[in-house]
Amino acid sequence: MNGTSKNTHELVLGDIVWCHGARVLIDSEIKTSSSHPASERGGPCLYTHGLVIHQDDETDTLFSRFVAVDQGRWIIQGNGLATWWVEVQA
């Protein structure tokens, strides 16, 4: 699988992000958090809800419990300093 590293500010609708051993499809609007102050270096904190489309057998147990409670969804959040591994479609 091909991929690239993106910071939170570079994520877009339709990206598939690897998070805690799961593939998470960003299928919701990316919003700015009003609960987290912007930092001088990282800028504002952004967040979005994503659909977990695959979990491998090694997926973190705590992650799996939260996903089950949230009906297969996960929140991706961070400022411009947080990086994510994102699939690149061939």
Protein backbone atom coordinates (compact mmCIF):
# COMPACT_ATOMS: atom_id res chain seq x y z
CA MET A 1 0.00 0.00 0.00
CA ASN A 2 1.26 3.45 -0.89
CA GLY A 3 0.98 6.28 1.57
CA THR A 4 2.27 9.64 2.63
CA SER A 5 2.59 11.63 5.82
CA LYS A 6 0.23 14.59 6.25
CA ASN A 7 -0.25 16.96 9.14
CA THR A 8 -3.77 17.54 10.45
CA HIS A 9 -4.14 20.78 8.47
CA GLU A 10 -3.45 18.89 5.21
CA LEU A 11 -6.17 16.24 5.71
CA VAL A 12 -9.17 16.40 3.38
CA LEU A 13 -12.56 14.74 3.03
CA GLY A 14 -12.06 11.28 1.51
CA ASP A 15 -8.59 10.66 2.97
CA ILE A 16 -8.02 7.24 4.53
CA VAL A 17 -5.91 7.65 7.67
CA TRP A 18 -4.13 4.87 9.56
CA CYS A 19 -4.81 5.27 13.27
CA HIS A 20 -4.10 2.70 16.05
CA GLY A 21 -3.96 -0.15 13.53
CA ALA A 22 -7.19 0.80 11.78
CA ARG A 23 -8.06 2.47 8.48
CA VAL A 24 -10.32 5.45 9.09
CA LEU A 25 -12.15 7.13 6.19
CA ILE A 26 -12.66 10.87 6.69
CA ASP A 27 -16.29 11.19 5.64
CA SER A 28 -17.30 14.26 7.67
CA GLU A 29 -16.45 17.94 7.50
CA ILE A 30 -13.15 18.93 9.12
CA LYS A 31 -13.85 21.54 11.80
CA THR A 32 -11.87 23.86 14.06
CA SER A 33 -12.11 23.01 17.75
CA SER A 34 -13.30 25.77 20.07
CA SER A 35 -12.20 23.67 23.07
CA HIS A 36 -8.48 23.78 22.27
CA PRO A 37 -6.65 27.10 21.99
CA ALA A 38 -4.49 27.61 18.91
CA SER A 39 -0.79 27.31 19.58
CA GLU A 40 1.82 29.63 18.13
CA ARG A 41 3.69 26.78 16.41
CA GLY A 42 0.88 24.35 15.62
CA GLY A 43 -2.01 26.65 14.83
CA PRO A 44 -5.60 25.70 15.53
CA CYS A 45 -6.71 22.22 16.56
CA LEU A 46 -8.84 20.59 13.87
CA TYR A 47 -11.05 17.53 14.22
CA THR A 48 -13.32 15.29 12.20
CA HIS A 49 -15.29 12.07 12.61
CA GLY A 50 -14.26 9.14 10.45
CA LEU A 51 -15.68 5.75 9.61
CA VAL A 52 -13.50 2.79 10.65
CA ILE A 53 -13.34 0.70 7.47
CA HIS A 54 -10.83 -1.91 8.64
CA GLN A 55 -9.16 -3.03 11.85
CA ASP A 56 -6.27 -5.48 11.84
CA ASP A 57 -5.88 -8.26 14.39
CA GLU A 58 -3.33 -6.21 16.32
CA THR A 59 -5.60 -3.18 16.80
CA ASP A 60 -5.34 -1.70 20.27
CA THR A 61 -8.03 -3.16 22.58
CA LEU A 62 -8.96 0.21 24.08
CA PHE A 63 -9.34 1.65 20.57
CA SER A 64 -11.62 -1.25 19.63
CA ARG A 65 -13.85 -0.64 22.67
CA PHE A 66 -14.29 3.05 21.86
CA VAL A 67 -15.06 2.26 18.22
CA ALA A 68 -17.69 -0.28 19.29
CA VAL A 69 -19.33 2.28 21.60
CA ASP A 70 -19.29 4.95 18.89
CA GLN A 71 -20.86 2.67 16.25
CA GLY A 72 -17.78 2.19 14.12
CA ARG A 73 -16.61 5.81 14.14
CA TRP A 74 -13.44 7.49 15.39
CA ILE A 75 -12.38 11.11 15.92
CA ILE A 76 -9.18 12.35 14.30
CA GLN A 77 -7.88 15.56 15.85
CA GLY A 78 -4.71 17.58 16.11
CA ASN A 79 -2.99 20.81 15.20
CA GLY A 80 -0.47 21.39 12.43
CA LEU A 81 2.24 19.55 14.40
CA ALA A 82 0.32 16.23 14.48
CA THR A 83 1.10 13.91 11.56
CA TRP A 84 -0.89 11.04 10.09
CA TRP A 85 -0.15 8.23 7.67
CA VAL A 86 -2.60 8.62 4.77
CA GLU A 87 -3.19 6.15 1.93
CA VAL A 88 -2.43 7.33 -1.58
CA GLN A 89 -4.82 5.89 -4.14
CA ALA A 90 -3.00 4.44 -7.15
